[in-house]
Protein backbone atom coordinates (compact mmCIF):
# COMPACT_ATOMS: atom_id res chain seq x y z
CA UNK A 1 75.21 29.57 -47.75
CA UNK A 2 76.33 25.94 -47.58
CA UNK A 3 80.03 25.42 -47.09
CA UNK A 4 82.01 23.25 -49.54
CA UNK A 5 85.10 21.29 -48.68
CA UNK A 6 87.98 20.24 -50.91
CA UNK A 7 88.30 16.47 -50.41
CA UNK A 8 91.09 16.02 -52.95
CA UNK A 9 94.25 14.36 -51.73
CA UNK A 10 97.49 13.09 -53.11
CA UNK A 11 97.67 9.30 -53.57
CA UNK A 12 101.46 9.51 -53.25
CA UNK A 13 100.97 10.61 -49.61
CA UNK A 14 99.10 7.40 -48.86
CA UNK A 15 101.81 5.33 -50.49
CA UNK A 16 104.46 7.05 -48.35
CA UNK A 17 102.42 6.35 -45.22
CA UNK A 18 102.11 2.69 -46.12
CA UNK A 19 105.85 2.41 -46.63
CA UNK A 20 106.51 4.07 -43.29
CA UNK A 21 104.09 1.73 -41.50
CA UNK A 22 105.78 -1.31 -43.03
CA UNK A 23 109.20 -0.22 -41.79
CA UNK A 24 108.15 0.34 -38.19
CA UNK A 25 105.34 -1.52 -36.41
CA UNK A 26 102.37 0.68 -35.59
CA UNK A 27 101.15 -1.46 -32.67
CA UNK A 28 102.89 -2.40 -29.43
CA UNK A 29 103.93 -5.93 -28.60
CA UNK A 30 103.00 -6.79 -25.00
CA UNK A 31 103.59 -9.88 -22.90
CA UNK A 32 101.00 -11.51 -20.66
CA UNK A 33 102.70 -9.86 -17.67
CA UNK A 34 102.46 -6.43 -19.35
CA UNK A 35 98.72 -6.95 -19.95
CA UNK A 36 98.18 -8.04 -16.34
CA UNK A 37 99.97 -4.90 -15.17
CA UNK A 38 97.70 -2.71 -17.32
CA UNK A 39 94.70 -4.58 -15.99
CA UNK A 40 95.78 -3.94 -12.42
CA UNK A 41 96.05 -0.26 -13.29
CA UNK A 42 92.26 -0.03 -13.15
CA UNK A 43 92.59 0.11 -9.35
CA UNK A 44 93.82 3.15 -7.44
CA UNK A 45 96.93 2.76 -5.26
CA UNK A 46 94.83 3.00 -2.10
CA UNK A 47 92.64 0.16 -3.39
CA UNK A 48 95.72 -1.97 -4.10
CA UNK A 49 96.97 -1.41 -0.54
CA UNK A 50 93.57 -2.38 0.83
CA UNK A 51 93.62 -5.57 -1.25
CA UNK A 52 97.08 -6.54 0.04
CA UNK A 53 95.92 -5.90 3.61
CA UNK A 54 92.88 -8.16 3.19
CA UNK A 55 94.85 -10.98 1.59
CA UNK A 56 97.50 -10.78 4.31
CA UNK A 57 94.84 -11.14 6.99
CA UNK A 58 93.36 -14.22 5.32
CA UNK A 59 96.76 -15.87 5.02
CA UNK A 60 97.67 -15.04 8.64
CA UNK A 61 94.38 -16.58 9.75
CA UNK A 62 95.04 -19.68 7.60
CA UNK A 63 98.48 -20.09 9.14
CA UNK A 64 97.19 -19.78 12.71
CA UNK A 65 94.36 -22.26 12.01
CA UNK A 66 96.70 -24.67 10.24
CA UNK A 67 94.81 -24.30 6.97
CA UNK A 68 96.54 -24.23 3.56
CA UNK A 69 97.33 -20.60 2.73
CA UNK A 70 96.78 -20.92 -1.03
CA UNK A 71 93.02 -20.34 -0.60
CA UNK A 72 92.90 -18.97 -4.13
CA UNK A 73 93.15 -22.52 -5.49
CA UNK A 74 90.27 -24.01 -3.43
CA UNK A 75 87.12 -25.32 -5.04
CA UNK A 76 84.06 -23.11 -4.62
CA UNK A 77 82.49 -25.17 -1.81
CA UNK A 78 85.76 -25.35 0.12
CA UNK A 79 86.42 -21.63 -0.38
CA UNK A 80 82.92 -20.79 0.82
CA UNK A 81 83.42 -22.91 3.93
CA UNK A 82 86.77 -21.26 4.65
CA UNK A 83 85.35 -17.74 4.27
CA UNK A 84 82.42 -18.60 6.54
CA UNK A 85 84.84 -19.40 9.35
CA UNK A 86 87.13 -16.52 8.55
CA UNK A 87 84.37 -13.88 8.65
CA UNK A 88 83.32 -15.08 12.07
CA UNK A 89 86.78 -15.46 13.60
CA UNK A 90 88.84 -12.56 12.20
CA UNK A 91 89.96 -10.03 14.82
CA UNK A 92 92.46 -7.25 15.33
CA UNK A 93 95.85 -8.05 16.89
CA UNK A 94 94.49 -7.11 20.33
CA UNK A 95 91.55 -9.47 19.88
CA UNK A 96 88.94 -6.73 19.40
CA UNK A 97 86.48 -6.41 16.51
CA UNK A 98 87.25 -4.47 13.38
CA UNK A 99 85.13 -1.43 12.56
CA UNK A 100 82.23 -1.98 10.19
CA UNK A 101 84.04 -0.13 7.41
CA UNK A 102 87.02 -2.45 7.81
CA UNK A 103 84.83 -5.57 7.61
CA UNK A 104 83.28 -4.30 4.41
CA UNK A 105 86.69 -3.45 2.96
CA UNK A 106 88.02 -6.87 3.95
CA UNK A 107 85.41 -8.82 2.01
CA UNK A 108 85.80 -6.53 -1.01
CA UNK A 109 89.59 -7.00 -0.89
CA UNK A 110 89.26 -10.79 -1.00
CA UNK A 111 86.88 -10.53 -3.96
CA UNK A 112 89.27 -8.29 -5.92
CA UNK A 113 92.16 -10.64 -5.20
CA UNK A 114 90.33 -13.73 -6.42
CA UNK A 115 88.90 -12.15 -9.57
CA UNK A 116 91.99 -10.20 -10.57
CA UNK A 117 95.28 -11.33 -12.12
CA UNK A 118 96.83 -13.83 -11.94
CA UNK A 119 93.91 -15.96 -10.62
CA UNK A 120 91.03 -14.46 -12.61
CA UNK A 121 88.47 -16.67 -10.86
CA UNK A 122 85.01 -16.46 -12.41
CA UNK A 123 83.19 -16.35 -9.10
CA UNK A 124 81.48 -13.65 -7.06
CA UNK A 125 81.89 -14.15 -3.30
CA UNK A 126 79.55 -11.21 -2.74
CA UNK A 127 76.52 -12.56 -4.62
CA UNK A 128 76.92 -16.18 -5.73
CA UNK A 129 74.51 -18.63 -4.08
CA UNK A 130 77.36 -20.92 -3.04
CA UNK A 131 78.60 -18.17 -0.68
CA UNK A 132 75.21 -17.46 0.97
CA UNK A 133 76.16 -19.16 4.24
CA UNK A 134 79.46 -17.27 4.37
CA UNK A 135 77.74 -13.96 3.68
CA UNK A 136 75.14 -14.68 6.37
CA UNK A 137 77.97 -14.90 8.89
CA UNK A 138 79.50 -11.75 7.44
CA UNK A 139 76.23 -9.81 7.83
CA UNK A 140 75.73 -11.33 11.28
CA UNK A 141 79.15 -10.05 12.34
CA UNK A 142 78.31 -6.53 11.17
CA UNK A 143 75.18 -6.57 13.32
CA UNK A 144 76.99 -8.17 16.25
CA UNK A 145 79.64 -5.45 16.27
CA UNK A 146 76.94 -2.77 16.11
CA UNK A 147 74.77 -4.36 18.83
CA UNK A 148 77.65 -4.70 21.26
CA UNK A 149 78.72 -1.09 20.81
CA UNK A 150 82.10 -2.08 19.37
CA UNK A 151 81.95 0.04 16.21
CA UNK A 152 84.05 3.03 17.20
CA UNK A 153 84.49 4.43 13.70
CA UNK A 154 83.17 7.93 13.15
CA UNK A 155 82.38 9.73 9.89
CA UNK A 156 84.75 12.48 8.83
CA UNK A 157 83.32 15.55 10.48
CA UNK A 158 83.48 19.02 8.93
CA UNK A 159 85.75 21.57 10.56
CA UNK A 160 83.78 23.62 13.05
CA UNK A 161 83.24 27.35 12.51
CA UNK A 162 85.36 28.15 15.55
CA UNK A 163 88.27 26.08 14.31
CA UNK A 164 88.03 27.54 10.80
CA UNK A 165 88.35 30.98 12.36
CA UNK A 166 91.23 29.89 14.60
CA UNK A 167 93.29 28.51 11.67
CA UNK A 168 93.60 32.03 10.27
CA UNK A 169 93.69 33.98 13.54
CA UNK A 170 96.52 31.83 14.88
CA UNK A 171 98.68 32.66 11.85
CA UNK A 172 99.01 29.00 10.84
CA UNK A 173 97.28 30.02 7.61
CA UNK A 174 98.69 33.32 6.38
CA UNK A 175 100.91 34.92 3.72
CA UNK A 176 103.69 35.92 6.12
CA UNK A 177 106.00 32.89 6.12
CA UNK A 178 106.81 30.06 3.69
CA UNK A 179 105.15 27.43 5.91
CA UNK A 180 101.99 29.44 6.68
CA UNK A 181 101.58 30.39 3.01
CA UNK A 182 101.98 26.75 1.99
CA UNK A 183 99.32 25.80 4.56
CA UNK A 184 97.00 28.53 3.29
CA UNK A 185 97.33 27.60 -0.40
CA UNK A 186 96.99 23.89 0.34
CA UNK A 187 93.78 24.52 2.30
CA UNK A 188 92.32 26.72 -0.42
CA UNK A 189 93.05 24.10 -3.10
CA UNK A 190 91.45 21.34 -1.01
CA UNK A 191 88.51 23.46 0.15
CA UNK A 192 87.48 25.19 -3.10
CA UNK A 193 88.10 22.19 -5.34
CA UNK A 194 86.53 19.77 -2.81
CA UNK A 195 89.43 17.31 -3.19
CA UNK A 196 89.61 13.83 -1.69
CA UNK A 197 92.20 13.71 1.09
CA UNK A 198 95.70 13.35 -0.38
CA UNK A 199 94.48 12.14 -3.78
CA UNK A 200 96.55 13.50 -6.66
CA UNK A 201 98.29 16.19 -4.62
CA UNK A 202 101.83 14.99 -5.41
CA UNK A 203 101.02 14.98 -9.14
CA UNK A 204 100.11 18.66 -9.26
CA UNK A 205 102.68 20.83 -11.05
CA UNK A 206 103.29 24.59 -11.24
CA UNK A 207 101.79 24.39 -14.74
CA UNK A 208 98.66 22.54 -13.56
CA UNK A 209 96.74 25.76 -12.88
CA UNK A 210 95.80 28.73 -15.04
CA UNK A 211 94.02 32.05 -14.58
CA UNK A 212 91.17 33.52 -16.61
CA UNK A 213 88.18 35.89 -16.33
CA UNK A 214 84.48 35.05 -16.52
CA UNK A 215 81.66 36.81 -18.37
CA UNK A 216 81.53 39.44 -15.60
CA UNK A 217 85.27 40.10 -15.94
CA UNK A 218 85.86 38.43 -12.55
CA UNK A 219 89.21 36.63 -12.32
CA UNK A 220 89.39 32.99 -11.37
CA UNK A 221 91.84 30.08 -11.26
CA UNK A 222 91.15 26.63 -12.67
CA UNK A 223 92.79 23.24 -13.17
CA UNK A 224 94.06 22.85 -16.74
CA UNK A 225 93.31 19.13 -17.11
CA UNK A 226 90.60 16.58 -16.30
CA UNK A 227 92.00 14.71 -13.30
CA UNK A 228 91.75 10.98 -12.71
CA UNK A 229 90.04 10.47 -9.34
CA UNK A 230 88.34 7.65 -7.46
CA UNK A 231 84.90 8.77 -8.65
CA UNK A 232 86.13 9.62 -12.16
CA UNK A 233 88.87 7.09 -13.07
CA UNK A 234 88.38 7.47 -16.83
CA UNK A 235 86.69 4.16 -17.63
CA UNK A 236 83.05 5.29 -17.41
CA UNK A 237 80.75 6.77 -20.05
CA UNK A 238 80.66 10.56 -19.96
CA UNK A 239 83.47 10.44 -17.41
CA UNK A 240 84.29 14.10 -17.12
CA UNK A 241 84.18 16.56 -14.26
CA UNK A 242 82.76 20.02 -14.11
CA UNK A 243 85.37 22.75 -14.43
CA UNK A 244 86.19 23.90 -10.90
CA UNK A 245 87.14 27.46 -10.15
CA UNK A 246 88.54 29.58 -7.36
CA UNK A 247 87.41 33.21 -7.64
CA UNK A 248 89.08 36.22 -6.08
CA UNK A 249 87.45 37.93 -3.11
CA UNK A 250 89.53 41.09 -2.74
CA UNK A 251 89.88 40.82 1.04
CA UNK A 252 92.86 39.89 3.25
CA UNK A 253 92.04 36.19 2.92
CA UNK A 254 91.66 36.35 -0.87
CA UNK A 255 92.54 32.87 -2.23
CA UNK A 256 93.75 34.19 -5.57
CA UNK A 257 96.14 36.64 -3.96
CA UNK A 258 97.55 33.90 -1.74
CA UNK A 259 97.98 31.51 -4.66
CA UNK A 260 99.62 34.18 -6.86
CA UNK A 261 102.05 35.05 -4.10
CA UNK A 262 102.80 31.38 -3.57
CA UNK A 263 103.47 30.84 -7.28
CA UNK A 264 105.80 33.87 -7.38
CA UNK A 265 107.84 32.49 -4.46
CA UNK A 266 108.16 28.92 -5.72
CA UNK A 267 111.55 27.49 -6.70
CA UNK A 268 111.80 27.75 -10.52
CA UNK A 269 114.06 24.68 -10.61
CA UNK A 270 111.28 22.44 -9.25
CA UNK A 271 108.20 21.66 -11.36
CA UNK A 272 106.08 20.38 -8.46
CA UNK A 273 103.33 22.67 -7.16
CA UNK A 274 103.77 21.73 -3.52
CA UNK A 275 107.41 22.38 -2.54
CA UNK A 276 109.31 22.17 0.75
CA UNK A 277 109.56 25.53 2.57
CA UNK A 278 112.95 27.10 3.22
CA UNK A 279 113.25 27.48 7.02
CA UNK A 280 115.69 30.40 6.69
CA UNK A 281 113.87 32.34 3.93
CA UNK A 282 113.37 36.03 4.65
CA UNK A 283 110.13 37.90 3.82
CA UNK A 284 112.10 39.86 1.20
CA UNK A 285 113.50 36.72 -0.44
CA UNK A 286 112.36 35.96 -3.98
CA UNK A 287 112.40 32.19 -3.46
CA UNK A 288 110.74 30.75 -0.36
CA UNK A 289 110.85 27.07 -1.28
CA UNK A 290 113.43 24.37 -1.91
CA UNK A 291 114.15 22.53 -5.12
CA UNK A 292 112.30 19.51 -3.72
CA UNK A 293 108.65 18.41 -3.69
CA UNK A 294 106.70 18.05 -0.48
CA UNK A 295 106.62 14.41 0.60
CA UNK A 296 103.56 12.19 0.09
CA UNK A 297 103.14 11.61 3.81
CA UNK A 298 103.52 15.31 4.60
CA UNK A 299 100.80 16.12 2.07
CA UNK A 300 98.64 13.40 3.52
CA UNK A 301 98.95 14.83 7.05
CA UNK A 302 98.57 18.54 6.22
CA UNK A 303 95.30 19.03 8.09
CA UNK A 304 96.50 16.98 11.06
CA UNK A 305 99.59 19.20 11.32
CA UNK A 306 97.51 22.37 11.02
CA UNK A 307 95.24 21.04 13.79
CA UNK A 308 98.27 20.60 16.04
CA UNK A 309 99.94 23.94 15.30
CA UNK A 310 96.84 26.16 15.65
CA UNK A 311 95.89 24.32 17.96
CA UNK A 312 92.33 23.33 17.03
CA UNK A 313 89.71 21.66 19.21
CA UNK A 314 90.38 18.24 17.64
CA UNK A 315 92.65 16.49 15.17
CA UNK A 316 91.18 16.84 11.70
CA UNK A 317 92.21 14.92 8.58
CA UNK A 318 92.52 16.05 4.98
CA UNK A 319 89.16 14.47 4.18
CA UNK A 320 87.51 16.69 6.80
CA UNK A 321 88.19 19.64 4.48
CA UNK A 322 86.09 17.94 1.78
CA UNK A 323 83.34 17.33 4.34
CA UNK A 324 83.52 21.04 5.29
CA UNK A 325 83.07 22.14 1.67
CA UNK A 326 80.03 19.91 1.09
CA UNK A 327 78.43 20.82 4.44
CA UNK A 328 78.96 24.56 3.93
CA UNK A 329 77.35 24.47 0.50
CA UNK A 330 74.46 22.30 1.69
CA UNK A 331 73.77 24.52 4.68
CA UNK A 332 73.72 27.50 2.33
CA UNK A 333 70.91 25.88 0.32
CA UNK A 334 72.97 25.00 -2.77
CA UNK A 335 71.30 22.29 -4.88
CA UNK A 336 72.68 18.77 -4.65
CA UNK A 337 73.44 18.66 -8.39
CA UNK A 338 75.65 21.74 -8.08
CA UNK A 339 77.49 20.24 -5.10
CA UNK A 340 77.92 16.96 -6.98
CA UNK A 341 79.46 18.80 -9.91
CA UNK A 342 82.08 20.19 -7.53
CA UNK A 343 82.66 17.08 -5.40
CA UNK A 344 82.53 14.56 -8.24
CA UNK A 345 79.91 12.38 -6.54
CA UNK A 346 77.63 10.45 -8.87
CA UNK A 347 74.48 10.45 -6.73
CA UNK A 348 72.96 12.69 -4.07
CA UNK A 349 72.90 9.86 -1.52
CA UNK A 350 76.65 10.30 -1.10
CA UNK A 351 76.16 14.01 -0.58
CA UNK A 352 73.54 13.42 2.12
CA UNK A 353 75.94 11.21 4.06
CA UNK A 354 78.11 14.28 4.64
CA UNK A 355 75.18 16.46 5.70
CA UNK A 356 73.23 14.14 8.01
CA UNK A 357 74.99 15.43 11.10
CA UNK A 358 74.32 18.81 12.67
CA UNK A 359 76.96 21.48 13.13
CA UNK A 360 78.74 22.14 16.40
CA UNK A 361 76.73 25.36 16.86
CA UNK A 362 73.47 23.50 16.25
CA UNK A 363 74.44 20.84 18.81
CA UNK A 364 75.15 23.52 21.40
CA UNK A 365 71.84 25.22 20.65
CA UNK A 366 69.86 21.96 21.00
CA UNK A 367 71.64 21.15 24.27
CA UNK A 368 70.79 24.60 25.62
CA UNK A 369 67.12 24.25 24.63
CA UNK A 370 66.86 20.86 26.34
CA UNK A 371 68.59 22.17 29.47
CA UNK A 372 66.33 25.23 29.64
CA UNK A 373 63.28 23.02 29.30
CA UNK A 374 64.18 21.47 32.68
CA UNK A 375 64.65 24.85 34.37
CA UNK A 376 61.13 26.16 33.79
CA UNK A 377 59.11 26.75 36.98
CA UNK A 378 55.82 24.80 37.02
CA UNK A 379 52.72 26.89 36.39
CA UNK A 380 49.41 26.47 38.19
CA UNK A 381 45.85 27.04 37.11
CA UNK A 382 44.24 26.92 33.71
CA UNK A 383 47.29 28.38 31.96
CA UNK A 384 49.58 25.54 32.99
CA UNK A 385 51.12 23.81 30.00
CA UNK A 386 53.18 20.70 30.61
CA UNK A 387 56.23 19.69 28.61
CA UNK A 388 54.36 16.70 27.33
CA UNK A 389 51.47 18.89 26.11
CA UNK A 390 53.85 21.23 24.31
CA UNK A 391 55.50 18.31 22.58
CA UNK A 392 52.22 16.73 21.44
């Protein structure tokens, strides 16, 4: 049966609304500076820092070369000539080359600076024909650094299986002390939600997470809101992320049990999710954490500190946890679209960049195979098979 709706309304209500609107302005009144500030908000804080770094380098180079530092005001041809020299001559303080990633970030930083407020230049130093000569030098420098073996940057490697085991066995991740429980919960949040480094950690509150059960009556934890991240800043069509969950496992390393214990021991006076541990808290104490949030730098160095305390085979970063999540799922045969829903990537090319490398165990196995190939005694007669024949 079709539903009917009562569309009647009181005209007096509309009159009251009009009168209210006339008394107090409905719309905000912003200055040019306010609008510029909102416009700059389209960039993440890390991007803003990268932009400032790039601009500072250009100005330092201009000062050393006795060139006017207000390069933003130069005509296109003059700017292109300046950038051509800059790309070829820029170096670190010790005179060495920057890593390829830094060169790429440097050019992007200059572009953002020129096209953003307050200059708002209508040029594209990445693609405009006037900057072809400058970009040829830029590309030539990338190849030069690579050819001369000066690119020492390495991709963020996943945490090895041995080190994952050691984190728990060493007690650095456990439910026994305030610090080890904090480490454990932080790792689970990063690992299961496939988070980007330190992104958004300080903004998480005790109320940010909730618990529910799925269609199989299995309990899980999820994030209440749709976060703003680098890959999902909120300005793109269909810009939403798949709901991420952490399910219980029922064993001694159960993430839900650790998180529930952590929540029960948090300081009720502090709304932040990540709080500073109380050094003197006893196992029987109700509150294990201070009325103070964990610092931004502490959150940013969590995996590095875990690496040192365990100690692990190498110093890992927060982003290595993300690489571990993606690699583990890929190695288990999970489809790229499922991994992308968890990681927030927009194309599978980004996923493959995490999975191109082999694991530590695979590297050891390959090395053993190659070594054993050299230990084989040569055979004689018709049954002899050379290494070259086996490889062909």
